[in-house]
Amino acid sequence: MRVSGMTIPGEKKVYVSLTYIYGIGLTSSKKILVEAKIDENTRVKNLTPDQEDLIRSIVEKKYRTEGELRREVSSNIKRLKDIKCYRGIRHIKHLPVRGQATRSNSRTVRGNKRNTATSGKKISAQKT
């Protein structure tokens, strides 16, 4: 089944496979299913074409997903960088934006640079 340009897995339950769409989490997927009056434990492969169309229409009307949402998020970050506010500067420097400590953590933002440090052992002198 395709929803907003994404193929969602057919073997999983509907509420889980809807979360494969960027911009839809567990809470939103359950709200969509309540609105469509579909049992959340139903598998995607067992949905009727009418139910698929109903889910598709709800997602397209009420939720910003995939490309549109990614564009909006990236434009928001670009705006912060352009006006050079604190958060924008943190984005530019690849540091945590939301107040986290950086002395020992923040490896996901800064990248794993631990492998570049040596153990401190000097290489023995070469024979000449």
N, C-alpha and C. Protein backbone atom coordinates (compact mmCIF):
# COMPACT_ATOMS: atom_id res chain seq x y z
N MET A 1 0.85 -1.18 0.00
CA MET A 1 0.00 0.00 0.00
C MET A 1 0.89 1.24 0.00
N ARG A 2 0.55 2.21 -0.83
CA ARG A 2 1.31 3.46 -0.90
C ARG A 2 0.52 4.60 -0.27
N VAL A 3 1.18 5.32 0.63
CA VAL A 3 0.57 6.48 1.26
C VAL A 3 1.58 7.62 1.17
N SER A 4 1.17 8.73 0.62
CA SER A 4 1.98 9.94 0.43
C SER A 4 3.38 9.62 -0.12
N GLY A 5 3.41 8.81 -1.16
CA GLY A 5 4.66 8.50 -1.85
C GLY A 5 5.53 7.46 -1.18
N MET A 6 5.07 6.86 -0.10
CA MET A 6 5.84 5.83 0.61
C MET A 6 5.11 4.51 0.54
N THR A 7 5.84 3.43 0.33
CA THR A 7 5.25 2.10 0.39
C THR A 7 5.40 1.62 1.82
N ILE A 8 4.27 1.34 2.48
CA ILE A 8 4.34 0.88 3.87
C ILE A 8 4.29 -0.64 3.88
N PRO A 9 4.97 -1.27 4.85
CA PRO A 9 5.06 -2.73 4.88
C PRO A 9 3.69 -3.39 5.04
N GLY A 10 3.46 -4.46 4.30
CA GLY A 10 2.16 -5.11 4.29
C GLY A 10 1.97 -6.15 5.38
N GLU A 11 3.05 -6.68 5.92
CA GLU A 11 2.93 -7.74 6.91
C GLU A 11 2.68 -7.21 8.32
N LYS A 12 2.97 -5.94 8.54
CA LYS A 12 2.83 -5.38 9.90
C LYS A 12 1.41 -4.88 10.14
N LYS A 13 1.12 -4.61 11.43
CA LYS A 13 -0.18 -4.04 11.77
C LYS A 13 -0.24 -2.61 11.25
N VAL A 14 -1.45 -2.14 10.98
CA VAL A 14 -1.64 -0.86 10.32
C VAL A 14 -1.04 0.29 11.13
N TYR A 15 -1.27 0.29 12.46
CA TYR A 15 -0.81 1.42 13.27
C TYR A 15 0.71 1.49 13.32
N VAL A 16 1.39 0.36 13.17
CA VAL A 16 2.85 0.36 13.17
C VAL A 16 3.38 0.77 11.80
N SER A 17 2.77 0.24 10.74
CA SER A 17 3.31 0.53 9.41
C SER A 17 3.05 1.97 8.98
N LEU A 18 2.04 2.64 9.56
CA LEU A 18 1.84 4.05 9.25
C LEU A 18 2.97 4.92 9.78
N THR A 19 3.66 4.43 10.82
CA THR A 19 4.76 5.21 11.40
C THR A 19 5.99 5.22 10.50
N TYR A 20 6.00 4.42 9.43
CA TYR A 20 7.11 4.43 8.48
C TYR A 20 7.09 5.70 7.63
N ILE A 21 5.98 6.43 7.68
CA ILE A 21 5.87 7.68 6.94
C ILE A 21 6.46 8.79 7.79
N TYR A 22 7.35 9.59 7.20
CA TYR A 22 7.99 10.68 7.92
C TYR A 22 6.93 11.71 8.29
N GLY A 23 6.81 11.99 9.58
CA GLY A 23 5.83 12.96 10.05
C GLY A 23 4.65 12.33 10.76
N ILE A 24 4.57 10.99 10.76
CA ILE A 24 3.49 10.30 11.45
C ILE A 24 4.10 9.36 12.48
N GLY A 25 3.76 9.60 13.74
CA GLY A 25 4.25 8.75 14.82
C GLY A 25 3.13 7.82 15.29
N LEU A 26 3.36 7.16 16.41
CA LEU A 26 2.36 6.22 16.93
C LEU A 26 1.05 6.90 17.28
N THR A 27 1.13 8.05 17.94
CA THR A 27 -0.08 8.76 18.36
C THR A 27 -0.91 9.18 17.15
N SER A 28 -0.24 9.78 16.15
CA SER A 28 -0.99 10.23 14.97
C SER A 28 -1.56 9.05 14.21
N SER A 29 -0.82 7.93 14.13
CA SER A 29 -1.33 6.78 13.39
C SER A 29 -2.57 6.21 14.07
N LYS A 30 -2.59 6.21 15.40
CA LYS A 30 -3.77 5.73 16.10
C LYS A 30 -4.95 6.67 15.91
N LYS A 31 -4.70 8.00 15.87
CA LYS A 31 -5.77 8.96 15.61
C LYS A 31 -6.35 8.77 14.21
N ILE A 32 -5.49 8.51 13.25
CA ILE A 32 -5.95 8.28 11.86
C ILE A 32 -6.86 7.07 11.81
N LEU A 33 -6.47 5.99 12.50
CA LEU A 33 -7.27 4.76 12.47
C LEU A 33 -8.60 4.93 13.20
N VAL A 34 -8.61 5.73 14.27
CA VAL A 34 -9.87 5.99 14.97
C VAL A 34 -10.81 6.77 14.06
N GLU A 35 -10.26 7.76 13.37
CA GLU A 35 -11.07 8.56 12.45
C GLU A 35 -11.59 7.74 11.28
N ALA A 36 -10.77 6.80 10.81
CA ALA A 36 -11.18 5.94 9.69
C ALA A 36 -12.03 4.75 10.14
N LYS A 37 -12.18 4.60 11.47
CA LYS A 37 -12.94 3.48 12.07
C LYS A 37 -12.38 2.12 11.61
N ILE A 38 -11.04 1.98 11.75
CA ILE A 38 -10.37 0.73 11.41
C ILE A 38 -9.69 0.21 12.66
N ASP A 39 -9.78 -1.10 12.90
CA ASP A 39 -9.14 -1.71 14.06
C ASP A 39 -7.63 -1.63 13.88
N GLU A 40 -6.91 -1.18 14.91
CA GLU A 40 -5.47 -0.98 14.78
C GLU A 40 -4.69 -2.28 14.68
N ASN A 41 -5.28 -3.41 15.07
CA ASN A 41 -4.58 -4.69 15.00
C ASN A 41 -4.70 -5.36 13.63
N THR A 42 -5.42 -4.72 12.70
CA THR A 42 -5.55 -5.27 11.36
C THR A 42 -4.22 -5.17 10.64
N ARG A 43 -3.89 -6.18 9.84
CA ARG A 43 -2.67 -6.14 9.04
C ARG A 43 -2.94 -5.33 7.77
N VAL A 44 -1.91 -4.70 7.25
CA VAL A 44 -2.05 -3.86 6.06
C VAL A 44 -2.54 -4.67 4.88
N LYS A 45 -2.06 -5.92 4.75
CA LYS A 45 -2.45 -6.76 3.60
C LYS A 45 -3.92 -7.13 3.65
N ASN A 46 -4.57 -7.04 4.83
CA ASN A 46 -5.98 -7.40 4.96
C ASN A 46 -6.93 -6.23 4.79
N LEU A 47 -6.40 -5.02 4.52
CA LEU A 47 -7.26 -3.85 4.34
C LEU A 47 -7.98 -3.92 2.99
N THR A 48 -9.21 -3.45 2.98
CA THR A 48 -9.95 -3.37 1.72
C THR A 48 -9.49 -2.12 0.96
N PRO A 49 -9.69 -2.08 -0.36
CA PRO A 49 -9.31 -0.88 -1.12
C PRO A 49 -10.00 0.40 -0.62
N ASP A 50 -11.25 0.27 -0.15
CA ASP A 50 -11.95 1.44 0.39
C ASP A 50 -11.26 1.97 1.64
N GLN A 51 -10.83 1.05 2.52
CA GLN A 51 -10.13 1.45 3.74
C GLN A 51 -8.79 2.11 3.41
N GLU A 52 -8.08 1.55 2.41
CA GLU A 52 -6.81 2.14 1.99
C GLU A 52 -7.01 3.57 1.50
N ASP A 53 -8.04 3.77 0.67
CA ASP A 53 -8.32 5.11 0.14
C ASP A 53 -8.67 6.08 1.26
N LEU A 54 -9.42 5.60 2.25
CA LEU A 54 -9.82 6.44 3.37
C LEU A 54 -8.59 6.89 4.17
N ILE A 55 -7.69 5.95 4.46
CA ILE A 55 -6.46 6.28 5.18
C ILE A 55 -5.64 7.28 4.38
N ARG A 56 -5.49 7.01 3.07
CA ARG A 56 -4.73 7.90 2.19
C ARG A 56 -5.28 9.33 2.21
N SER A 57 -6.61 9.43 2.11
CA SER A 57 -7.22 10.77 2.07
C SER A 57 -7.05 11.51 3.40
N ILE A 58 -7.18 10.80 4.52
CA ILE A 58 -7.01 11.43 5.84
C ILE A 58 -5.58 11.95 6.00
N VAL A 59 -4.60 11.12 5.61
CA VAL A 59 -3.20 11.52 5.75
C VAL A 59 -2.90 12.73 4.87
N GLU A 60 -3.40 12.73 3.65
CA GLU A 60 -3.10 13.83 2.73
C GLU A 60 -3.78 15.12 3.15
N LYS A 61 -4.99 15.04 3.72
CA LYS A 61 -5.72 16.26 4.09
C LYS A 61 -5.21 16.87 5.39
N LYS A 62 -4.96 16.04 6.40
CA LYS A 62 -4.73 16.56 7.75
C LYS A 62 -3.27 16.61 8.19
N TYR A 63 -2.37 15.89 7.50
CA TYR A 63 -1.00 15.81 7.99
C TYR A 63 -0.01 16.28 6.94
N ARG A 64 1.04 16.95 7.41
CA ARG A 64 2.15 17.33 6.55
C ARG A 64 3.17 16.21 6.65
N THR A 65 3.48 15.57 5.53
CA THR A 65 4.35 14.40 5.58
C THR A 65 5.44 14.47 4.52
N GLU A 66 6.40 13.57 4.66
CA GLU A 66 7.49 13.34 3.71
C GLU A 66 8.14 14.61 3.19
N GLY A 67 8.15 14.82 1.88
CA GLY A 67 8.91 15.90 1.25
C GLY A 67 8.53 17.28 1.74
N GLU A 68 7.23 17.52 1.88
CA GLU A 68 6.74 18.83 2.32
C GLU A 68 7.25 19.15 3.73
N LEU A 69 7.18 18.17 4.63
CA LEU A 69 7.63 18.37 6.01
C LEU A 69 9.15 18.53 6.07
N ARG A 70 9.87 17.71 5.31
CA ARG A 70 11.33 17.82 5.29
C ARG A 70 11.76 19.20 4.79
N ARG A 71 11.08 19.70 3.74
CA ARG A 71 11.39 21.04 3.22
C ARG A 71 11.14 22.11 4.28
N GLU A 72 10.02 21.97 4.99
CA GLU A 72 9.69 22.96 6.02
C GLU A 72 10.73 22.97 7.13
N VAL A 73 11.12 21.78 7.60
CA VAL A 73 12.11 21.68 8.68
C VAL A 73 13.45 22.27 8.23
N SER A 74 13.88 21.92 7.02
CA SER A 74 15.17 22.42 6.55
C SER A 74 15.13 23.94 6.33
N SER A 75 13.98 24.47 5.89
CA SER A 75 13.88 25.92 5.71
C SER A 75 13.88 26.64 7.06
N ASN A 76 13.28 26.01 8.08
CA ASN A 76 13.32 26.60 9.43
C ASN A 76 14.76 26.67 9.96
N ILE A 77 15.51 25.58 9.74
CA ILE A 77 16.91 25.55 10.18
C ILE A 77 17.73 26.58 9.40
N LYS A 78 17.47 26.69 8.10
CA LYS A 78 18.18 27.66 7.26
C LYS A 78 17.89 29.08 7.74
N ARG A 79 16.65 29.36 8.11
CA ARG A 79 16.28 30.68 8.61
C ARG A 79 17.04 31.00 9.89
N LEU A 80 17.13 30.02 10.80
CA LEU A 80 17.88 30.23 12.04
C LEU A 80 19.34 30.52 11.76
N LYS A 81 19.92 29.80 10.77
CA LYS A 81 21.32 30.02 10.41
C LYS A 81 21.50 31.41 9.79
N ASP A 82 20.55 31.83 8.95
CA ASP A 82 20.67 33.12 8.27
C ASP A 82 20.62 34.30 9.24
N ILE A 83 19.76 34.21 10.25
CA ILE A 83 19.65 35.33 11.18
C ILE A 83 20.70 35.26 12.29
N LYS A 84 21.48 34.18 12.27
CA LYS A 84 22.59 34.00 13.20
C LYS A 84 22.17 34.07 14.67
N CYS A 85 21.01 33.49 14.97
CA CYS A 85 20.60 33.42 16.38
C CYS A 85 21.38 32.30 17.06
N TYR A 86 21.20 32.16 18.35
CA TYR A 86 21.96 31.16 19.13
C TYR A 86 21.75 29.76 18.55
N ARG A 87 20.49 29.40 18.32
CA ARG A 87 20.21 28.06 17.79
C ARG A 87 20.81 27.88 16.40
N GLY A 88 20.78 28.93 15.59
CA GLY A 88 21.36 28.84 14.26
C GLY A 88 22.86 28.64 14.31
N ILE A 89 23.52 29.33 15.23
CA ILE A 89 24.97 29.19 15.38
C ILE A 89 25.31 27.77 15.83
N ARG A 90 24.50 27.21 16.73
CA ARG A 90 24.73 25.83 17.18
C ARG A 90 24.58 24.86 16.00
N HIS A 91 23.60 25.11 15.13
CA HIS A 91 23.45 24.27 13.93
C HIS A 91 24.67 24.38 13.03
N ILE A 92 25.16 25.61 12.84
CA ILE A 92 26.31 25.84 11.97
C ILE A 92 27.54 25.11 12.49
N LYS A 93 27.75 25.14 13.82
CA LYS A 93 28.93 24.53 14.42
C LYS A 93 28.77 23.03 14.68
N HIS A 94 27.63 22.47 14.31
CA HIS A 94 27.34 21.05 14.54
C HIS A 94 27.44 20.69 16.01
N LEU A 95 26.79 21.51 16.84
CA LEU A 95 26.74 21.25 18.28
C LEU A 95 25.28 21.05 18.67
N PRO A 96 25.01 20.48 19.86
CA PRO A 96 23.63 20.29 20.29
C PRO A 96 22.91 21.63 20.40
N VAL A 97 21.66 21.67 19.98
CA VAL A 97 20.91 22.92 19.89
C VAL A 97 20.08 23.16 21.14
N ARG A 98 19.70 22.11 21.84
CA ARG A 98 18.70 22.26 22.89
C ARG A 98 19.26 22.21 24.30
N GLY A 99 20.44 22.77 24.50
CA GLY A 99 20.95 22.96 25.85
C GLY A 99 21.66 21.80 26.48
N GLN A 100 21.96 20.76 25.72
CA GLN A 100 22.64 19.61 26.32
C GLN A 100 24.10 19.94 26.59
N ALA A 101 24.67 19.23 27.56
CA ALA A 101 26.08 19.41 27.89
C ALA A 101 26.93 18.80 26.78
N THR A 102 28.12 19.39 26.53
CA THR A 102 28.94 18.89 25.43
C THR A 102 30.29 18.36 25.89
N ARG A 103 30.58 18.46 27.19
CA ARG A 103 31.91 18.06 27.63
C ARG A 103 32.17 16.58 27.39
N SER A 104 31.20 15.75 27.77
CA SER A 104 31.45 14.31 27.62
C SER A 104 30.49 13.66 26.63
N ASN A 105 29.36 14.28 26.36
CA ASN A 105 28.37 13.64 25.49
C ASN A 105 28.29 14.34 24.13
N SER A 106 27.14 14.32 23.52
CA SER A 106 26.84 14.92 22.22
C SER A 106 27.60 14.26 21.09
N ARG A 107 27.81 12.96 21.18
CA ARG A 107 28.53 12.23 20.14
C ARG A 107 27.72 12.16 18.85
N THR A 108 26.39 12.11 18.96
CA THR A 108 25.59 11.97 17.74
C THR A 108 25.67 13.22 16.89
N VAL A 109 25.70 14.38 17.50
CA VAL A 109 25.76 15.62 16.74
C VAL A 109 27.17 15.87 16.23
N ARG A 110 28.16 15.72 17.11
CA ARG A 110 29.53 16.07 16.76
C ARG A 110 30.24 14.97 15.98
N GLY A 111 29.67 13.79 15.94
CA GLY A 111 30.32 12.68 15.24
C GLY A 111 31.24 11.93 16.19
N ASN A 112 31.45 10.66 15.92
CA ASN A 112 32.30 9.85 16.79
C ASN A 112 33.76 10.10 16.43
N LYS A 113 34.40 10.97 17.19
CA LYS A 113 35.79 11.31 16.91
C LYS A 113 36.75 10.59 17.85
N ARG A 114 36.23 9.68 18.65
CA ARG A 114 37.07 8.98 19.62
C ARG A 114 38.12 8.12 18.94
N ASN A 115 37.80 7.61 17.74
CA ASN A 115 38.74 6.70 17.09
C ASN A 115 39.97 7.40 16.55
N THR A 116 40.01 8.74 16.54
CA THR A 116 41.17 9.45 16.02
C THR A 116 42.26 9.59 17.08
N ALA A 117 41.93 9.50 18.35
CA ALA A 117 42.92 9.66 19.42
C ALA A 117 43.76 8.39 19.53
N THR A 118 45.06 8.56 19.79
CA THR A 118 45.93 7.39 19.97
C THR A 118 46.02 7.06 21.45
N SER A 119 46.64 5.95 21.75
CA SER A 119 46.70 5.51 23.14
C SER A 119 47.79 6.23 23.91
N GLY A 120 48.60 7.04 23.27
CA GLY A 120 49.68 7.74 23.96
C GLY A 120 51.01 7.02 23.85
N LYS A 121 50.99 5.82 23.27
CA LYS A 121 52.21 5.04 23.13
C LYS A 121 53.01 5.57 21.93
N LYS A 122 54.28 5.82 22.12
CA LYS A 122 55.11 6.32 21.03
C LYS A 122 55.62 5.15 20.21
N ILE A 123 55.79 5.39 18.94
CA ILE A 123 56.35 4.36 18.05
C ILE A 123 57.85 4.28 18.32
N SER A 124 58.36 3.04 18.38
CA SER A 124 59.81 2.88 18.67
C SER A 124 60.63 3.44 17.51
N ALA A 125 61.82 3.88 17.82
CA ALA A 125 62.70 4.50 16.82
C ALA A 125 63.09 3.47 15.75
N GLN A 126 63.14 3.92 14.53
CA GLN A 126 63.50 3.04 13.40
C GLN A 126 65.03 2.90 13.34
N LYS A 127 65.50 1.72 12.89
CA LYS A 127 66.93 1.52 12.68
C LYS A 127 67.35 2.26 11.41
N THR A 128 68.53 2.83 11.46
CA THR A 128 69.03 3.53 10.27
C THR A 128 70.13 2.78 9.60
